[in-house]
Amino acid sequence: MRFVSLALFSGERGRAGKSTELGISQHGQIFLSLFAEGWRGGKKVRFVVSTNIPFRYIMHL
């Protein structure tokens, strides 16, 4: 799947990272992805949320 995206990346001493990606796919869907990872209690924690929203649904709002 090809899509145009806007991505933001940030990190803190290589121990924590966050990423947000937003774009429109070639199939006319809004692509939103949230990603975060870090250390909690000595364990590496990863949190990912990803969704595809049909663009025509937004146009009907």
N, C-alpha and C. Protein backbone atom coordinates (compact mmCIF):
# COMPACT_ATOMS: atom_id res chain seq x y z
N MET A 1 0.84 -1.19 0.00
CA MET A 1 0.00 0.00 0.00
C MET A 1 0.88 1.24 0.00
N ARG A 2 0.64 2.11 -0.95
CA ARG A 2 1.37 3.39 -1.00
C ARG A 2 0.51 4.48 -0.41
N PHE A 3 1.12 5.33 0.39
CA PHE A 3 0.40 6.46 0.91
C PHE A 3 1.35 7.60 1.21
N VAL A 4 0.84 8.80 1.15
CA VAL A 4 1.61 9.98 1.51
C VAL A 4 1.43 10.19 3.00
N SER A 5 2.53 10.35 3.72
CA SER A 5 2.41 10.41 5.17
C SER A 5 3.22 11.56 5.75
N LEU A 6 2.78 11.97 6.92
CA LEU A 6 3.51 12.94 7.71
C LEU A 6 3.94 12.21 8.98
N ALA A 7 5.23 12.14 9.23
CA ALA A 7 5.73 11.37 10.36
C ALA A 7 6.54 12.25 11.29
N LEU A 8 6.33 12.05 12.58
CA LEU A 8 7.07 12.77 13.61
C LEU A 8 7.78 11.74 14.50
N PHE A 9 9.06 11.96 14.73
CA PHE A 9 9.81 11.03 15.55
C PHE A 9 10.56 11.79 16.63
N SER A 10 10.57 11.24 17.82
CA SER A 10 11.34 11.83 18.90
C SER A 10 11.83 10.73 19.83
N GLY A 11 12.95 10.95 20.46
CA GLY A 11 13.48 9.95 21.37
C GLY A 11 14.22 10.61 22.51
N GLU A 12 14.40 9.89 23.59
CA GLU A 12 15.09 10.42 24.75
C GLU A 12 16.22 9.47 25.12
N ARG A 13 17.44 9.82 24.70
CA ARG A 13 18.64 9.04 24.98
C ARG A 13 18.51 7.59 24.51
N GLY A 14 17.72 7.38 23.48
CA GLY A 14 17.59 6.04 22.92
C GLY A 14 16.79 5.08 23.79
N ARG A 15 16.21 5.56 24.86
CA ARG A 15 15.47 4.67 25.76
C ARG A 15 13.97 4.72 25.52
N ALA A 16 13.50 5.85 25.01
CA ALA A 16 12.07 5.98 24.73
C ALA A 16 11.88 6.61 23.36
N GLY A 17 10.89 6.16 22.64
CA GLY A 17 10.62 6.72 21.32
C GLY A 17 9.13 6.83 21.07
N LYS A 18 8.75 7.85 20.32
CA LYS A 18 7.35 8.04 19.96
C LYS A 18 7.26 8.34 18.48
N SER A 19 6.21 7.89 17.87
CA SER A 19 6.02 8.12 16.44
C SER A 19 4.54 8.28 16.14
N THR A 20 4.23 9.25 15.32
CA THR A 20 2.86 9.43 14.84
C THR A 20 2.91 9.54 13.33
N GLU A 21 2.08 8.76 12.66
CA GLU A 21 2.07 8.75 11.20
C GLU A 21 0.65 8.94 10.72
N LEU A 22 0.46 9.90 9.84
CA LEU A 22 -0.87 10.20 9.32
C LEU A 22 -0.77 10.39 7.81
N GLY A 23 -1.66 9.77 7.08
CA GLY A 23 -1.60 9.90 5.63
C GLY A 23 -2.88 9.46 4.96
N ILE A 24 -2.90 9.57 3.66
CA ILE A 24 -4.02 9.12 2.85
C ILE A 24 -3.51 8.05 1.88
N SER A 25 -4.10 6.88 1.95
CA SER A 25 -3.64 5.79 1.10
C SER A 25 -4.16 5.96 -0.32
N GLN A 26 -3.63 5.17 -1.23
CA GLN A 26 -4.06 5.26 -2.63
C GLN A 26 -5.47 4.73 -2.81
N HIS A 27 -5.99 4.02 -1.79
CA HIS A 27 -7.35 3.50 -1.86
C HIS A 27 -8.35 4.46 -1.25
N GLY A 28 -7.92 5.68 -0.90
CA GLY A 28 -8.82 6.69 -0.38
C GLY A 28 -9.17 6.50 1.09
N GLN A 29 -8.24 5.95 1.87
CA GLN A 29 -8.46 5.77 3.29
C GLN A 29 -7.50 6.65 4.08
N ILE A 30 -7.99 7.14 5.22
CA ILE A 30 -7.13 7.89 6.12
C ILE A 30 -6.36 6.88 6.96
N PHE A 31 -5.06 6.98 6.96
CA PHE A 31 -4.21 6.05 7.71
C PHE A 31 -3.63 6.77 8.92
N LEU A 32 -3.89 6.24 10.09
CA LEU A 32 -3.39 6.83 11.33
C LEU A 32 -2.71 5.76 12.15
N SER A 33 -1.47 6.02 12.54
CA SER A 33 -0.72 5.05 13.33
C SER A 33 -0.01 5.76 14.46
N LEU A 34 -0.19 5.28 15.68
CA LEU A 34 0.48 5.82 16.86
C LEU A 34 1.37 4.74 17.44
N PHE A 35 2.60 5.10 17.74
CA PHE A 35 3.57 4.13 18.24
C PHE A 35 4.37 4.74 19.37
N ALA A 36 4.51 4.03 20.45
CA ALA A 36 5.31 4.51 21.57
C ALA A 36 5.99 3.33 22.23
N GLU A 37 7.22 3.51 22.66
CA GLU A 37 7.90 2.46 23.40
C GLU A 37 8.79 3.10 24.45
N GLY A 38 9.01 2.38 25.51
CA GLY A 38 9.84 2.90 26.58
C GLY A 38 10.09 1.84 27.63
N TRP A 39 10.66 2.27 28.72
CA TRP A 39 10.99 1.35 29.81
C TRP A 39 10.08 1.62 30.99
N ARG A 40 9.49 0.56 31.53
CA ARG A 40 8.65 0.68 32.71
C ARG A 40 8.95 -0.49 33.64
N GLY A 41 9.46 -0.19 34.80
CA GLY A 41 9.78 -1.26 35.76
C GLY A 41 10.88 -2.17 35.27
N GLY A 42 11.80 -1.65 34.47
CA GLY A 42 12.90 -2.46 33.95
C GLY A 42 12.54 -3.31 32.75
N LYS A 43 11.30 -3.20 32.27
CA LYS A 43 10.87 -3.96 31.10
C LYS A 43 10.54 -3.00 29.96
N LYS A 44 10.84 -3.45 28.75
CA LYS A 44 10.53 -2.63 27.58
C LYS A 44 9.06 -2.77 27.24
N VAL A 45 8.39 -1.63 27.11
CA VAL A 45 6.95 -1.62 26.83
C VAL A 45 6.72 -1.00 25.46
N ARG A 46 5.86 -1.61 24.68
CA ARG A 46 5.54 -1.11 23.34
C ARG A 46 4.03 -0.97 23.20
N PHE A 47 3.61 0.17 22.68
CA PHE A 47 2.19 0.46 22.52
C PHE A 47 1.95 0.93 21.09
N VAL A 48 1.07 0.25 20.39
CA VAL A 48 0.81 0.58 18.99
C VAL A 48 -0.70 0.66 18.74
N VAL A 49 -1.13 1.73 18.10
CA VAL A 49 -2.52 1.86 17.67
C VAL A 49 -2.50 2.22 16.19
N SER A 50 -3.23 1.47 15.40
CA SER A 50 -3.27 1.72 13.97
C SER A 50 -4.70 1.58 13.46
N THR A 51 -5.11 2.46 12.56
CA THR A 51 -6.46 2.39 12.02
C THR A 51 -6.50 2.92 10.59
N ASN A 52 -7.45 2.42 9.83
CA ASN A 52 -7.73 2.92 8.49
C ASN A 52 -9.18 3.37 8.45
N ILE A 53 -9.42 4.61 8.09
CA ILE A 53 -10.77 5.16 8.04
C ILE A 53 -11.10 5.50 6.58
N PRO A 54 -12.20 4.97 6.05
CA PRO A 54 -12.57 5.30 4.67
C PRO A 54 -12.80 6.80 4.51
N PHE A 55 -12.18 7.38 3.49
CA PHE A 55 -12.26 8.82 3.27
C PHE A 55 -13.70 9.26 2.95
N ARG A 56 -14.44 8.42 2.23
CA ARG A 56 -15.82 8.78 1.87
C ARG A 56 -16.71 8.86 3.10
N TYR A 57 -16.38 8.12 4.15
CA TYR A 57 -17.15 8.22 5.40
C TYR A 57 -16.99 9.60 6.02
N ILE A 58 -15.78 10.14 5.98
CA ILE A 58 -15.51 11.47 6.52
C ILE A 58 -16.20 12.53 5.67
N MET A 59 -16.27 12.32 4.37
CA MET A 59 -16.92 13.29 3.49
C MET A 59 -18.42 13.38 3.75
N HIS A 60 -19.01 12.31 4.29
CA HIS A 60 -20.45 12.31 4.58
C HIS A 60 -20.77 13.03 5.88
N LEU A 61 -19.76 13.29 6.71
CA LEU A 61 -20.00 13.96 7.99
C LEU A 61 -20.30 15.43 7.79
